[in-house]
C-alpha atoms as a PDB file:
ATOM      1  CA  MET A   1     -24.516  -6.175   8.753  1.00  0.00           C
ATOM      2  CA  GLU A   2     -21.084  -7.782   8.108  1.00  0.00           C
ATOM      3  CA  GLN A   3     -19.713  -8.284   4.443  1.00  0.00           C
ATOM      4  CA  THR A   4     -18.426 -11.248   3.248  1.00  0.00           C
ATOM      5  CA  ILE A   5     -15.271 -10.634   1.104  1.00  0.00           C
ATOM      6  CA  THR A   6     -14.670 -13.183  -1.365  1.00  0.00           C
ATOM      7  CA  PRO A   7     -11.146 -15.037  -1.986  1.00  0.00           C
ATOM      8  CA  GLU A   8     -11.275 -13.174  -5.322  1.00  0.00           C
ATOM      9  CA  GLN A   9     -11.798  -9.823  -3.880  1.00  0.00           C
ATOM     10  CA  ILE A  10      -8.898 -10.526  -0.976  1.00  0.00           C
ATOM     11  CA  THR A  11      -6.703 -11.569  -4.052  1.00  0.00           C
ATOM     12  CA  ASN A  12      -7.438  -8.037  -5.795  1.00  0.00           C
ATOM     13  CA  SER A  13      -7.046  -6.029  -2.698  1.00  0.00           C
ATOM     14  CA  VAL A  14      -3.353  -7.550  -2.075  1.00  0.00           C
ATOM     15  CA  ASN A  15      -2.311  -7.173  -5.716  1.00  0.00           C
ATOM     16  CA  ALA A  16      -3.858  -3.645  -5.798  1.00  0.00           C
ATOM     17  CA  ALA A  17      -2.016  -2.726  -2.485  1.00  0.00           C
ATOM     18  CA  PHE A  18       1.291  -4.130  -4.249  1.00  0.00           C
ATOM     19  CA  ASP A  19       0.479  -1.735  -7.049  1.00  0.00           C
ATOM     20  CA  SER A  20       0.533   0.866  -4.790  1.00  0.00           C
ATOM     21  CA  VAL A  21       3.607  -0.344  -3.295  1.00  0.00           C
ATOM     22  CA  ASN A  22       5.481  -0.435  -6.519  1.00  0.00           C
ATOM     23  CA  LEU A  23       4.325   2.730  -7.296  1.00  0.00           C
ATOM     24  CA  ILE A  24       5.882   4.330  -4.199  1.00  0.00           C
ATOM     25  CA  ASN A  25       8.977   2.267  -4.689  1.00  0.00           C
ATOM     26  CA  ASN A  26       9.586   3.623  -8.222  1.00  0.00           C
ATOM     27  CA  THR A  27       8.560   7.100  -7.441  1.00  0.00           C
ATOM     28  CA  SER A  28      10.577   7.289  -4.535  1.00  0.00           C
ATOM     29  CA  THR A  29      13.844   7.046  -6.928  1.00  0.00           C
ATOM     30  CA  GLU A  30      12.727  10.098  -8.947  1.00  0.00           C
ATOM     31  CA  VAL A  31      12.943  13.995  -8.453  1.00  0.00           C
ATOM     32  CA  ILE A  32      10.344  15.356  -5.872  1.00  0.00           C
ATOM     33  CA  ASP A  33       7.699  17.275  -7.303  1.00  0.00           C
ATOM     34  CA  ASP A  34       4.500  18.339  -5.928  1.00  0.00           C
ATOM     35  CA  GLU A  35       2.511  16.022  -8.248  1.00  0.00           C
ATOM     36  CA  LYS A  36       4.595  12.958  -7.405  1.00  0.00           C
ATOM     37  CA  LYS A  37       4.513  14.066  -3.767  1.00  0.00           C
ATOM     38  CA  ASP A  38       0.653  13.968  -3.882  1.00  0.00           C
ATOM     39  CA  ARG A  39       0.350  10.635  -5.870  1.00  0.00           C
ATOM     40  CA  VAL A  40       2.762   9.090  -3.043  1.00  0.00           C
ATOM     41  CA  LYS A  41       0.880  10.243  -0.249  1.00  0.00           C
ATOM     42  CA  ARG A  42      -2.563   8.831  -1.613  1.00  0.00           C
ATOM     43  CA  ASN A  43      -1.037   5.524  -2.055  1.00  0.00           C
ATOM     44  CA  ILE A  44       0.429   5.471   1.330  1.00  0.00           C
ATOM     45  CA  GLU A  45      -3.031   6.102   2.642  1.00  0.00           C
ATOM     46  CA  HIS A  46      -4.570   3.272   0.401  1.00  0.00           C
ATOM     47  CA  LEU A  47      -1.894   0.913   2.132  1.00  0.00           C
ATOM     48  CA  GLU A  48      -2.742   2.286   5.469  1.00  0.00           C
ATOM     49  CA  VAL A  49      -6.515   1.771   5.177  1.00  0.00           C
ATOM     50  CA  MET A  50      -5.884  -1.722   3.530  1.00  0.00           C
ATOM     51  CA  LEU A  51      -3.605  -2.629   7.108  1.00  0.00           C
ATOM     52  CA  ALA A  52      -6.516  -1.509   9.118  1.00  0.00           C
ATOM     53  CA  LYS A  53      -8.683  -4.364   8.101  1.00  0.00           C
ATOM     54  CA  GLU A  54      -8.290  -7.594   9.818  1.00  0.00           C
ATOM     55  CA  TRP A  55      -9.206  -9.644   6.546  1.00  0.00           C
ATOM     56  CA  PHE A  56      -6.599  -7.949   4.385  1.00  0.00           C
ATOM     57  CA  LEU A  57      -4.125  -8.776   7.448  1.00  0.00           C
ATOM     58  CA  THR A  58      -4.639 -11.980   7.345  1.00  0.00           C
ATOM     59  CA  ALA A  59      -4.462 -12.470   3.737  1.00  0.00           C
ATOM     60  CA  LEU A  60      -0.593 -11.304   3.717  1.00  0.00           C
ATOM     61  CA  THR A  61       2.161 -13.455   4.143  1.00  0.00           C
ATOM     62  CA  PRO A  62       4.778 -12.085   6.742  1.00  0.00           C
ATOM     63  CA  ILE A  63       7.002 -10.909   3.521  1.00  0.00           C
ATOM     64  CA  GLN A  64       4.060  -9.023   2.146  1.00  0.00           C
ATOM     65  CA  LYS A  65       3.353  -7.475   5.632  1.00  0.00           C
ATOM     66  CA  THR A  66       7.102  -6.394   5.960  1.00  0.00           C
ATOM     67  CA  ASN A  67       7.200  -4.963   2.278  1.00  0.00           C
ATOM     68  CA  ILE A  68       4.279  -2.707   2.881  1.00  0.00           C
ATOM     69  CA  ASP A  69       5.692  -1.630   5.867  1.00  0.00           C
ATOM     70  CA  ALA A  70       9.057  -0.741   4.461  1.00  0.00           C
ATOM     71  CA  CYS A  71       7.130   0.926   1.512  1.00  0.00           C
ATOM     72  CA  ILE A  72       4.981   3.230   3.787  1.00  0.00           C
ATOM     73  CA  VAL A  73       8.602   4.209   5.542  1.00  0.00           C
ATOM     74  CA  THR A  74      10.011   4.779   2.291  1.00  0.00           C
ATOM     75  CA  GLY A  75       6.984   7.018   0.774  1.00  0.00           C
ATOM     76  CA  ASN A  76       6.977   8.834   4.220  1.00  0.00           C
ATOM     77  CA  ALA A  77      10.653   9.796   3.757  1.00  0.00           C
ATOM     78  CA  TYR A  78      10.177  10.603   0.217  1.00  0.00           C
ATOM     79  CA  ILE A  79       7.304  13.256   0.659  1.00  0.00           C
ATOM     80  CA  ALA A  80       8.925  14.448   3.943  1.00  0.00           C
END
């Protein structure tokens, strides 16, 4: 059974993704510790899960997709 995603759910999902983007970008400027690395890792995983959803990708503008991709790169560099 295919799940129907409402416009409100899509908007909320995009907003939640950008909460993760902001968290990763803000944390990446801080001193690294295990707790922050774990937090960034969880948020990267959240973004990767969302990017795997076709309806989510369709909802993003090209700039939003670019920002999420860049954030994942930044986050991965932070936790490396």
